[in-house]
Amino acid sequence: MKTVNIIRKKNFYASDIILLKSDANYTHIYFRNGKQMTVAKTLKQMEPKFTELGFIRTHKSFIVNPSHILRYYDVESEIHLTKNLTAAVSRRRKDAFEQVLHG
């Protein structure tokens, strides 16, 4: 299983991470076990580490783990994920997201 180092000396399994959500200069990370962690890094700083693991940037505020996507609503441009989480898909990133989603 692939791990990702988010903060010093702490590795997490990529499969346990559902979603990364931007909040100004902080990033909220949501885990499969229901826990949440906030780190003092922007989503832009986190993006390279996660996109190489297969995560998708869907919006300026969201990076999602495709293995946790339950349903994608095209009209609303909204993704429903495990643990009742939702993420938006921007118009600019919609085509690339749909291409990755449908394979």
PDB file of N, CA and C in Angstrom:
ATOM      1  N   MET A   1       0.830  -1.192   0.000  1.00  0.00           N
ATOM      2  CA  MET A   1       0.000   0.000   0.000  1.00  0.00           C
ATOM      3  C   MET A   1       0.870   1.249   0.000  1.00  0.00           C
ATOM      4  N   LYS A   2       0.427   2.236  -0.733  1.00  0.00           N
ATOM      5  CA  LYS A   2       1.186   3.478  -0.823  1.00  0.00           C
ATOM      6  C   LYS A   2       0.894   4.360   0.380  1.00  0.00           C
ATOM      7  N   THR A   3       1.970   4.975   0.881  1.00  0.00           N
ATOM      8  CA  THR A   3       1.810   5.906   1.996  1.00  0.00           C
ATOM      9  C   THR A   3       2.217   7.297   1.540  1.00  0.00           C
ATOM     10  N   VAL A   4       1.715   8.279   2.262  1.00  0.00           N
ATOM     11  CA  VAL A   4       2.048   9.662   1.967  1.00  0.00           C
ATOM     12  C   VAL A   4       2.458  10.337   3.268  1.00  0.00           C
ATOM     13  N   ASN A   5       3.520  11.115   3.194  1.00  0.00           N
ATOM     14  CA  ASN A   5       4.001  11.845   4.358  1.00  0.00           C
ATOM     15  C   ASN A   5       3.356  13.224   4.346  1.00  0.00           C
ATOM     16  N   ILE A   6       2.498  13.481   5.318  1.00  0.00           N
ATOM     17  CA  ILE A   6       1.789  14.757   5.363  1.00  0.00           C
ATOM     18  C   ILE A   6       2.509  15.740   6.270  1.00  0.00           C
ATOM     19  N   ILE A   7       2.837  15.288   7.457  1.00  0.00           N
ATOM     20  CA  ILE A   7       3.612  16.118   8.381  1.00  0.00           C
ATOM     21  C   ILE A   7       4.807  15.306   8.846  1.00  0.00           C
ATOM     22  N   ARG A   8       5.777  15.989   9.390  1.00  0.00           N
ATOM     23  CA  ARG A   8       7.020  15.329   9.783  1.00  0.00           C
ATOM     24  C   ARG A   8       6.805  14.035  10.550  1.00  0.00           C
ATOM     25  N   LYS A   9       7.500  13.006  10.091  1.00  0.00           N
ATOM     26  CA  LYS A   9       7.535  11.696  10.753  1.00  0.00           C
ATOM     27  C   LYS A   9       6.182  11.015  10.868  1.00  0.00           C
ATOM     28  N   LYS A  10       5.178  11.454  10.114  1.00  0.00           N
ATOM     29  CA  LYS A  10       3.873  10.796  10.140  1.00  0.00           C
ATOM     30  C   LYS A  10       3.479  10.408   8.728  1.00  0.00           C
ATOM     31  N   ASN A  11       3.377   9.113   8.502  1.00  0.00           N
ATOM     32  CA  ASN A  11       2.939   8.602   7.211  1.00  0.00           C
ATOM     33  C   ASN A  11       1.526   8.065   7.340  1.00  0.00           C
ATOM     34  N   PHE A  12       0.743   8.270   6.296  1.00  0.00           N
ATOM     35  CA  PHE A  12      -0.634   7.794   6.264  1.00  0.00           C
ATOM     36  C   PHE A  12      -0.839   7.003   4.981  1.00  0.00           C
ATOM     37  N   TYR A  13      -1.686   5.984   5.046  1.00  0.00           N
ATOM     38  CA  TYR A  13      -2.022   5.244   3.839  1.00  0.00           C
ATOM     39  C   TYR A  13      -2.887   6.118   2.949  1.00  0.00           C
ATOM     40  N   ALA A  14      -2.527   6.196   1.684  1.00  0.00           N
ATOM     41  CA  ALA A  14      -3.278   7.008   0.726  1.00  0.00           C
ATOM     42  C   ALA A  14      -4.719   6.526   0.627  1.00  0.00           C
ATOM     43  N   SER A  15      -4.941   5.234   0.762  1.00  0.00           N
ATOM     44  CA  SER A  15      -6.290   4.681   0.654  1.00  0.00           C
ATOM     45  C   SER A  15      -7.191   5.105   1.811  1.00  0.00           C
ATOM     46  N   ASP A  16      -6.600   5.567   2.916  1.00  0.00           N
ATOM     47  CA  ASP A  16      -7.389   6.018   4.068  1.00  0.00           C
ATOM     48  C   ASP A  16      -7.826   7.472   3.951  1.00  0.00           C
ATOM     49  N   ILE A  17      -7.277   8.195   2.990  1.00  0.00           N
ATOM     50  CA  ILE A  17      -7.602   9.609   2.824  1.00  0.00           C
ATOM     51  C   ILE A  17      -8.703   9.754   1.783  1.00  0.00           C
ATOM     52  N   ILE A  18      -9.767  10.443   2.153  1.00  0.00           N
ATOM     53  CA  ILE A  18     -10.913  10.623   1.258  1.00  0.00           C
ATOM     54  C   ILE A  18     -10.795  11.921   0.472  1.00  0.00           C
ATOM     55  N   LEU A  19     -10.461  12.993   1.175  1.00  0.00           N
ATOM     56  CA  LEU A  19     -10.601  14.318   0.594  1.00  0.00           C
ATOM     57  C   LEU A  19      -9.639  15.308   1.251  1.00  0.00           C
ATOM     58  N   LEU A  20      -9.146  16.240   0.457  1.00  0.00           N
ATOM     59  CA  LEU A  20      -8.386  17.376   0.975  1.00  0.00           C
ATOM     60  C   LEU A  20      -9.162  18.622   0.599  1.00  0.00           C
ATOM     61  N   LYS A  21      -9.380  19.483   1.579  1.00  0.00           N
ATOM     62  CA  LYS A  21     -10.189  20.684   1.357  1.00  0.00           C
ATOM     63  C   LYS A  21      -9.400  21.910   1.799  1.00  0.00           C
ATOM     64  N   SER A  22      -9.372  22.907   0.932  1.00  0.00           N
ATOM     65  CA  SER A  22      -8.634  24.129   1.198  1.00  0.00           C
ATOM     66  C   SER A  22      -9.408  25.053   2.131  1.00  0.00           C
ATOM     67  N   ASP A  23      -8.651  25.731   2.987  1.00  0.00           N
ATOM     68  CA  ASP A  23      -9.214  26.762   3.862  1.00  0.00           C
ATOM     69  C   ASP A  23      -8.128  27.827   4.031  1.00  0.00           C
ATOM     70  N   ALA A  24      -8.036  28.727   3.056  1.00  0.00           N
ATOM     71  CA  ALA A  24      -7.019  29.781   3.010  1.00  0.00           C
ATOM     72  C   ALA A  24      -5.621  29.142   3.039  1.00  0.00           C
ATOM     73  N   ASN A  25      -4.835  29.381   4.072  1.00  0.00           N
ATOM     74  CA  ASN A  25      -3.486  28.826   4.154  1.00  0.00           C
ATOM     75  C   ASN A  25      -3.431  27.493   4.895  1.00  0.00           C
ATOM     76  N   TYR A  26      -4.567  26.857   5.064  1.00  0.00           N
ATOM     77  CA  TYR A  26      -4.651  25.562   5.734  1.00  0.00           C
ATOM     78  C   TYR A  26      -5.318  24.554   4.808  1.00  0.00           C
ATOM     79  N   THR A  27      -5.063  23.290   5.071  1.00  0.00           N
ATOM     80  CA  THR A  27      -5.719  22.211   4.346  1.00  0.00           C
ATOM     81  C   THR A  27      -6.320  21.253   5.361  1.00  0.00           C
ATOM     82  N   HIS A  28      -7.605  20.965   5.194  1.00  0.00           N
ATOM     83  CA  HIS A  28      -8.289  19.980   6.027  1.00  0.00           C
ATOM     84  C   HIS A  28      -8.239  18.644   5.296  1.00  0.00           C
ATOM     85  N   ILE A  29      -7.800  17.614   5.998  1.00  0.00           N
ATOM     86  CA  ILE A  29      -7.693  16.276   5.424  1.00  0.00           C
ATOM     87  C   ILE A  29      -8.714  15.385   6.126  1.00  0.00           C
ATOM     88  N   TYR A  30      -9.552  14.721   5.337  1.00  0.00           N
ATOM     89  CA  TYR A  30     -10.612  13.876   5.875  1.00  0.00           C
ATOM     90  C   TYR A  30     -10.240  12.413   5.644  1.00  0.00           C
ATOM     91  N   PHE A  31     -10.338  11.616   6.721  1.00  0.00           N
ATOM     92  CA  PHE A  31      -9.934  10.218   6.672  1.00  0.00           C
ATOM     93  C   PHE A  31     -11.132   9.278   6.687  1.00  0.00           C
ATOM     94  N   ARG A  32     -10.873   8.047   6.248  1.00  0.00           N
ATOM     95  CA  ARG A  32     -11.913   7.014   6.170  1.00  0.00           C
ATOM     96  C   ARG A  32     -12.467   6.653   7.543  1.00  0.00           C
ATOM     97  N   ASN A  33     -11.668   6.775   8.587  1.00  0.00           N
ATOM     98  CA  ASN A  33     -12.131   6.427   9.933  1.00  0.00           C
ATOM     99  C   ASN A  33     -12.959   7.542  10.575  1.00  0.00           C
ATOM    100  N   GLY A  34     -13.233   8.616   9.814  1.00  0.00           N
ATOM    101  CA  GLY A  34     -14.058   9.706  10.322  1.00  0.00           C
ATOM    102  C   GLY A  34     -13.276  10.843  10.941  1.00  0.00           C
ATOM    103  N   LYS A  35     -11.981  10.655  11.108  1.00  0.00           N
ATOM    104  CA  LYS A  35     -11.161  11.710  11.713  1.00  0.00           C
ATOM    105  C   LYS A  35     -10.800  12.768  10.674  1.00  0.00           C
ATOM    106  N   GLN A  36     -10.369  13.892  11.182  1.00  0.00           N
ATOM    107  CA  GLN A  36      -9.985  15.008  10.336  1.00  0.00           C
ATOM    108  C   GLN A  36      -8.702  15.616  10.885  1.00  0.00           C
ATOM    109  N   MET A  37      -7.842  16.099   9.998  1.00  0.00           N
ATOM    110  CA  MET A  37      -6.609  16.736  10.419  1.00  0.00           C
ATOM    111  C   MET A  37      -6.456  18.032   9.627  1.00  0.00           C
ATOM    112  N   THR A  38      -5.956  19.057  10.274  1.00  0.00           N
ATOM    113  CA  THR A  38      -5.689  20.318   9.609  1.00  0.00           C
ATOM    114  C   THR A  38      -4.186  20.564   9.625  1.00  0.00           C
ATOM    115  N   VAL A  39      -3.639  20.881   8.458  1.00  0.00           N
ATOM    116  CA  VAL A  39      -2.206  21.173   8.356  1.00  0.00           C
ATOM    117  C   VAL A  39      -2.024  22.590   7.830  1.00  0.00           C
ATOM    118  N   ALA A  40      -0.942  23.218   8.208  1.00  0.00           N
ATOM    119  CA  ALA A  40      -0.658  24.601   7.820  1.00  0.00           C
ATOM    120  C   ALA A  40       0.072  24.649   6.488  1.00  0.00           C
ATOM    121  N   LYS A  41      -0.548  24.063   5.471  1.00  0.00           N
ATOM    122  CA  LYS A  41      -0.026  24.084   4.112  1.00  0.00           C
ATOM    123  C   LYS A  41      -1.196  24.372   3.181  1.00  0.00           C
ATOM    124  N   THR A  42      -0.906  25.055   2.086  1.00  0.00           N
ATOM    125  CA  THR A  42      -1.967  25.315   1.120  1.00  0.00           C
ATOM    126  C   THR A  42      -2.213  24.063   0.287  1.00  0.00           C
ATOM    127  N   LEU A  43      -3.358  24.031  -0.350  1.00  0.00           N
ATOM    128  CA  LEU A  43      -3.686  22.904  -1.215  1.00  0.00           C
ATOM    129  C   LEU A  43      -2.703  22.816  -2.387  1.00  0.00           C
ATOM    130  N   LYS A  44      -2.235  23.957  -2.844  1.00  0.00           N
ATOM    131  CA  LYS A  44      -1.261  23.996  -3.935  1.00  0.00           C
ATOM    132  C   LYS A  44       0.049  23.318  -3.519  1.00  0.00           C
ATOM    133  N   GLN A  45       0.451  23.484  -2.266  1.00  0.00           N
ATOM    134  CA  GLN A  45       1.663  22.829  -1.766  1.00  0.00           C
ATOM    135  C   GLN A  45       1.459  21.322  -1.629  1.00  0.00           C
ATOM    136  N   MET A  46       0.243  20.913  -1.328  1.00  0.00           N
ATOM    137  CA  MET A  46      -0.057  19.494  -1.122  1.00  0.00           C
ATOM    138  C   MET A  46      -0.288  18.752  -2.440  1.00  0.00           C
ATOM    139  N   GLU A  47      -0.711  19.467  -3.460  1.00  0.00           N
ATOM    140  CA  GLU A  47      -1.140  18.852  -4.717  1.00  0.00           C
ATOM    141  C   GLU A  47      -0.129  17.904  -5.361  1.00  0.00           C
ATOM    142  N   PRO A  48       1.144  18.265  -5.547  1.00  0.00           N
ATOM    143  CA  PRO A  48       2.073  17.348  -6.231  1.00  0.00           C
ATOM    144  C   PRO A  48       2.210  15.988  -5.542  1.00  0.00           C
ATOM    145  N   LYS A  49       2.234  16.006  -4.233  1.00  0.00           N
ATOM    146  CA  LYS A  49       2.371  14.777  -3.451  1.00  0.00           C
ATOM    147  C   LYS A  49       1.185  13.833  -3.678  1.00  0.00           C
ATOM    148  N   PHE A  50      -0.009  14.408  -3.805  1.00  0.00           N
ATOM    149  CA  PHE A  50      -1.219  13.594  -3.912  1.00  0.00           C
ATOM    150  C   PHE A  50      -1.581  13.224  -5.345  1.00  0.00           C
ATOM    151  N   THR A  51      -1.298  14.096  -6.308  1.00  0.00           N
ATOM    152  CA  THR A  51      -1.636  13.757  -7.696  1.00  0.00           C
ATOM    153  C   THR A  51      -0.780  12.597  -8.200  1.00  0.00           C
ATOM    154  N   GLU A  52       0.435  12.465  -7.701  1.00  0.00           N
ATOM    155  CA  GLU A  52       1.252  11.318  -8.117  1.00  0.00           C
ATOM    156  C   GLU A  52       0.725  10.008  -7.542  1.00  0.00           C
ATOM    157  N   LEU A  53      -0.130  10.083  -6.546  1.00  0.00           N
ATOM    158  CA  LEU A  53      -0.755   8.895  -5.969  1.00  0.00           C
ATOM    159  C   LEU A  53      -2.125   8.614  -6.587  1.00  0.00           C
ATOM    160  N   GLY A  54      -2.522   9.422  -7.574  1.00  0.00           N
ATOM    161  CA  GLY A  54      -3.785   9.178  -8.261  1.00  0.00           C
ATOM    162  C   GLY A  54      -4.939  10.042  -7.809  1.00  0.00           C
ATOM    163  N   PHE A  55      -4.702  10.948  -6.869  1.00  0.00           N
ATOM    164  CA  PHE A  55      -5.751  11.861  -6.429  1.00  0.00           C
ATOM    165  C   PHE A  55      -6.024  12.870  -7.548  1.00  0.00           C
ATOM    166  N   ILE A  56      -7.232  13.440  -7.549  1.00  0.00           N
ATOM    167  CA  ILE A  56      -7.640  14.356  -8.617  1.00  0.00           C
ATOM    168  C   ILE A  56      -7.995  15.716  -8.041  1.00  0.00           C
ATOM    169  N   ARG A  57      -7.430  16.760  -8.634  1.00  0.00           N
ATOM    170  CA  ARG A  57      -7.803  18.135  -8.267  1.00  0.00           C
ATOM    171  C   ARG A  57      -9.061  18.473  -9.048  1.00  0.00           C
ATOM    172  N   THR A  58     -10.177  18.644  -8.363  1.00  0.00           N
ATOM    173  CA  THR A  58     -11.451  18.872  -9.041  1.00  0.00           C
ATOM    174  C   THR A  58     -11.889  20.321  -9.010  1.00  0.00           C
ATOM    175  N   HIS A  59     -11.261  21.099  -8.152  1.00  0.00           N
ATOM    176  CA  HIS A  59     -11.706  22.471  -7.901  1.00  0.00           C
ATOM    177  C   HIS A  59     -10.555  23.181  -7.198  1.00  0.00           C
ATOM    178  N   LYS A  60     -10.584  24.502  -7.170  1.00  0.00           N
ATOM    179  CA  LYS A  60      -9.497  25.203  -6.470  1.00  0.00           C
ATOM    180  C   LYS A  60      -9.476  24.873  -4.987  1.00  0.00           C
ATOM    181  N   SER A  61     -10.573  24.341  -4.473  1.00  0.00           N
ATOM    182  CA  SER A  61     -10.667  24.034  -3.042  1.00  0.00           C
ATOM    183  C   SER A  61     -10.640  22.549  -2.702  1.00  0.00           C
ATOM    184  N   PHE A  62     -10.578  21.653  -3.696  1.00  0.00           N
ATOM    185  CA  PHE A  62     -10.702  20.223  -3.403  1.00  0.00           C
ATOM    186  C   PHE A  62      -9.717  19.352  -4.183  1.00  0.00           C
ATOM    187  N   ILE A  63      -9.189  18.350  -3.482  1.00  0.00           N
ATOM    188  CA  ILE A  63      -8.483  17.227  -4.096  1.00  0.00           C
ATOM    189  C   ILE A  63      -9.157  15.977  -3.547  1.00  0.00           C
ATOM    190  N   VAL A  64      -9.593  15.080  -4.443  1.00  0.00           N
ATOM    191  CA  VAL A  64     -10.329  13.899  -3.997  1.00  0.00           C
ATOM    192  C   VAL A  64      -9.592  12.614  -4.362  1.00  0.00           C
ATOM    193  N   ASN A  65      -9.862  11.592  -3.559  1.00  0.00           N
ATOM    194  CA  ASN A  65      -9.358  10.256  -3.826  1.00  0.00           C
ATOM    195  C   ASN A  65     -10.418   9.547  -4.668  1.00  0.00           C
ATOM    196  N   PRO A  66     -10.110   9.189  -5.925  1.00  0.00           N
ATOM    197  CA  PRO A  66     -11.119   8.599  -6.800  1.00  0.00           C
ATOM    198  C   PRO A  66     -11.695   7.282  -6.292  1.00  0.00           C
ATOM    199  N   SER A  67     -10.965   6.561  -5.456  1.00  0.00           N
ATOM    200  CA  SER A  67     -11.487   5.294  -4.945  1.00  0.00           C
ATOM    201  C   SER A  67     -12.588   5.494  -3.905  1.00  0.00           C
ATOM    202  N   HIS A  68     -12.786   6.730  -3.442  1.00  0.00           N
ATOM    203  CA  HIS A  68     -13.841   7.010  -2.469  1.00  0.00           C
ATOM    204  C   HIS A  68     -15.046   7.714  -3.093  1.00  0.00           C
ATOM    205  N   ILE A  69     -15.050   7.861  -4.411  1.00  0.00           N
ATOM    206  CA  ILE A  69     -16.184   8.499  -5.079  1.00  0.00           C
ATOM    207  C   ILE A  69     -17.344   7.520  -5.150  1.00  0.00           C
ATOM    208  N   LEU A  70     -18.481   7.927  -4.610  1.00  0.00           N
ATOM    209  CA  LEU A  70     -19.675   7.095  -4.669  1.00  0.00           C
ATOM    210  C   LEU A  70     -20.539   7.459  -5.869  1.00  0.00           C
ATOM    211  N   ARG A  71     -20.702   8.753  -6.103  1.00  0.00           N
ATOM    212  CA  ARG A  71     -21.572   9.210  -7.188  1.00  0.00           C
ATOM    213  C   ARG A  71     -21.134  10.595  -7.642  1.00  0.00           C
ATOM    214  N   TYR A  72     -21.256  10.823  -8.941  1.00  0.00           N
ATOM    215  CA  TYR A  72     -20.938  12.123  -9.511  1.00  0.00           C
ATOM    216  C   TYR A  72     -22.189  12.669 -10.195  1.00  0.00           C
ATOM    217  N   TYR A  73     -22.598  13.856  -9.776  1.00  0.00           N
ATOM    218  CA  TYR A  73     -23.763  14.506 -10.364  1.00  0.00           C
ATOM    219  C   TYR A  73     -23.284  15.548 -11.362  1.00  0.00           C
ATOM    220  N   ASP A  74     -23.454  15.236 -12.647  1.00  0.00           N
ATOM    221  CA  ASP A  74     -22.959  16.076 -13.733  1.00  0.00           C
ATOM    222  C   ASP A  74     -23.613  17.451 -13.746  1.00  0.00           C
ATOM    223  N   VAL A  75     -24.921  17.489 -13.591  1.00  0.00           N
ATOM    224  CA  VAL A  75     -25.647  18.761 -13.686  1.00  0.00           C
ATOM    225  C   VAL A  75     -25.237  19.720 -12.569  1.00  0.00           C
ATOM    226  N   GLU A  76     -25.116  19.211 -11.342  1.00  0.00           N
ATOM    227  CA  GLU A  76     -24.737  20.054 -10.204  1.00  0.00           C
ATOM    228  C   GLU A  76     -23.229  20.212 -10.074  1.00  0.00           C
ATOM    229  N   SER A  77     -22.477  19.437 -10.854  1.00  0.00           N
ATOM    230  CA  SER A  77     -21.009  19.407 -10.750  1.00  0.00           C
ATOM    231  C   SER A  77     -20.579  19.125  -9.312  1.00  0.00           C
ATOM    232  N   GLU A  78     -21.156  18.075  -8.766  1.00  0.00           N
ATOM    233  CA  GLU A  78     -20.905  17.720  -7.367  1.00  0.00           C
ATOM    234  C   GLU A  78     -20.550  16.242  -7.259  1.00  0.00           C
ATOM    235  N   ILE A  79     -19.584  15.956  -6.395  1.00  0.00           N
ATOM    236  CA  ILE A  79     -19.145  14.586  -6.148  1.00  0.00           C
ATOM    237  C   ILE A  79     -19.581  14.194  -4.741  1.00  0.00           C
ATOM    238  N   HIS A  80     -20.184  13.013  -4.613  1.00  0.00           N
ATOM    239  CA  HIS A  80     -20.508  12.470  -3.296  1.00  0.00           C
ATOM    240  C   HIS A  80     -19.484  11.392  -2.980  1.00  0.00           C
ATOM    241  N   LEU A  81     -18.885  11.519  -1.801  1.00  0.00           N
ATOM    242  CA  LEU A  81     -17.824  10.617  -1.377  1.00  0.00           C
ATOM    243  C   LEU A  81     -18.252   9.830  -0.144  1.00  0.00           C
ATOM    244  N   THR A  82     -17.433   8.873   0.255  1.00  0.00           N
ATOM    245  CA  THR A  82     -17.710   8.126   1.476  1.00  0.00           C
ATOM    246  C   THR A  82     -17.734   9.072   2.678  1.00  0.00           C
ATOM    247  N   LYS A  83     -18.322   8.639   3.756  1.00  0.00           N
ATOM    248  CA  LYS A  83     -18.463   9.410   4.998  1.00  0.00           C
ATOM    249  C   LYS A  83     -19.293  10.674   4.797  1.00  0.00           C
ATOM    250  N   ASN A  84     -20.209  10.632   3.822  1.00  0.00           N
ATOM    251  CA  ASN A  84     -21.149  11.741   3.591  1.00  0.00           C
ATOM    252  C   ASN A  84     -20.461  13.056   3.219  1.00  0.00           C
ATOM    253  N   LEU A  85     -19.304  12.973   2.606  1.00  0.00           N
ATOM    254  CA  LEU A  85     -18.576  14.171   2.185  1.00  0.00           C
ATOM    255  C   LEU A  85     -18.935  14.513   0.744  1.00  0.00           C
ATOM    256  N   THR A  86     -18.882  15.791   0.429  1.00  0.00           N
ATOM    257  CA  THR A  86     -19.124  16.227  -0.948  1.00  0.00           C
ATOM    258  C   THR A  86     -17.998  17.157  -1.384  1.00  0.00           C
ATOM    259  N   ALA A  87     -17.786  17.211  -2.693  1.00  0.00           N
ATOM    260  CA  ALA A  87     -16.782  18.103  -3.270  1.00  0.00           C
ATOM    261  C   ALA A  87     -17.334  18.660  -4.572  1.00  0.00           C
ATOM    262  N   ALA A  88     -16.897  19.837  -4.908  1.00  0.00           N
ATOM    263  CA  ALA A  88     -17.345  20.488  -6.144  1.00  0.00           C
ATOM    264  C   ALA A  88     -16.375  20.178  -7.283  1.00  0.00           C
ATOM    265  N   VAL A  89     -16.898  20.283  -8.501  1.00  0.00           N
ATOM    266  CA  VAL A  89     -16.071  20.173  -9.696  1.00  0.00           C
ATOM    267  C   VAL A  89     -16.218  21.490 -10.448  1.00  0.00           C
ATOM    268  N   SER A  90     -15.111  22.174 -10.678  1.00  0.00           N
ATOM    269  CA  SER A  90     -15.177  23.462 -11.364  1.00  0.00           C
ATOM    270  C   SER A  90     -15.395  23.252 -12.859  1.00  0.00           C
ATOM    271  N   ARG A  91     -15.932  24.256 -13.509  1.00  0.00           N
ATOM    272  CA  ARG A  91     -16.152  24.178 -14.959  1.00  0.00           C
ATOM    273  C   ARG A  91     -14.832  23.972 -15.688  1.00  0.00           C
ATOM    274  N   ARG A  92     -13.789  24.615 -15.213  1.00  0.00           N
ATOM    275  CA  ARG A  92     -12.489  24.525 -15.852  1.00  0.00           C
ATOM    276  C   ARG A  92     -11.884  23.117 -15.768  1.00  0.00           C
ATOM    277  N   ARG A  93     -12.156  22.416 -14.707  1.00  0.00           N
ATOM    278  CA  ARG A  93     -11.566  21.089 -14.496  1.00  0.00           C
ATOM    279  C   ARG A  93     -12.523  19.942 -14.811  1.00  0.00           C
ATOM    280  N   LYS A  94     -13.735  20.264 -15.213  1.00  0.00           N
ATOM    281  CA  LYS A  94     -14.778  19.261 -15.413  1.00  0.00           C
ATOM    282  C   LYS A  94     -14.417  18.231 -16.487  1.00  0.00           C
ATOM    283  N   ASP A  95     -13.949  18.684 -17.644  1.00  0.00           N
ATOM    284  CA  ASP A  95     -13.621  17.754 -18.726  1.00  0.00           C
ATOM    285  C   ASP A  95     -12.506  16.794 -18.333  1.00  0.00           C
ATOM    286  N   ALA A  96     -11.464  17.310 -17.712  1.00  0.00           N
ATOM    287  CA  ALA A  96     -10.349  16.463 -17.286  1.00  0.00           C
ATOM    288  C   ALA A  96     -10.804  15.465 -16.216  1.00  0.00           C
ATOM    289  N   PHE A  97     -11.647  15.922 -15.302  1.00  0.00           N
ATOM    290  CA  PHE A  97     -12.156  15.034 -14.250  1.00  0.00           C
ATOM    291  C   PHE A  97     -12.987  13.909 -14.854  1.00  0.00           C
ATOM    292  N   GLU A  98     -13.905  14.251 -15.755  1.00  0.00           N
ATOM    293  CA  GLU A  98     -14.763  13.231 -16.371  1.00  0.00           C
ATOM    294  C   GLU A  98     -13.948  12.234 -17.187  1.00  0.00           C
ATOM    295  N   GLN A  99     -12.881  12.703 -17.815  1.00  0.00           N
ATOM    296  CA  GLN A  99     -12.018  11.824 -18.587  1.00  0.00           C
ATOM    297  C   GLN A  99     -11.326  10.812 -17.661  1.00  0.00           C
ATOM    298  N   VAL A 100     -10.855  11.260 -16.534  1.00  0.00           N
ATOM    299  CA  VAL A 100     -10.210  10.376 -15.565  1.00  0.00           C
ATOM    300  C   VAL A 100     -11.237   9.418 -14.970  1.00  0.00           C
ATOM    301  N   LEU A 101     -12.410   9.927 -14.680  1.00  0.00           N
ATOM    302  CA  LEU A 101     -13.459   9.124 -14.051  1.00  0.00           C
ATOM    303  C   LEU A 101     -13.935   7.998 -14.959  1.00  0.00           C
ATOM    304  N   HIS A 102     -14.081   8.283 -16.240  1.00  0.00           N
ATOM    305  CA  HIS A 102     -14.612   7.283 -17.174  1.00  0.00           C
ATOM    306  C   HIS A 102     -13.525   6.479 -17.873  1.00  0.00           C
ATOM    307  N   GLY A 103     -12.304   6.770 -17.518  1.00  0.00           N
ATOM    308  CA  GLY A 103     -11.243   5.929 -17.886  1.00  0.00           C
ATOM    309  C   GLY A 103     -10.475   6.075 -19.104  1.00  0.00           C
TER     310      GLY A 103
END
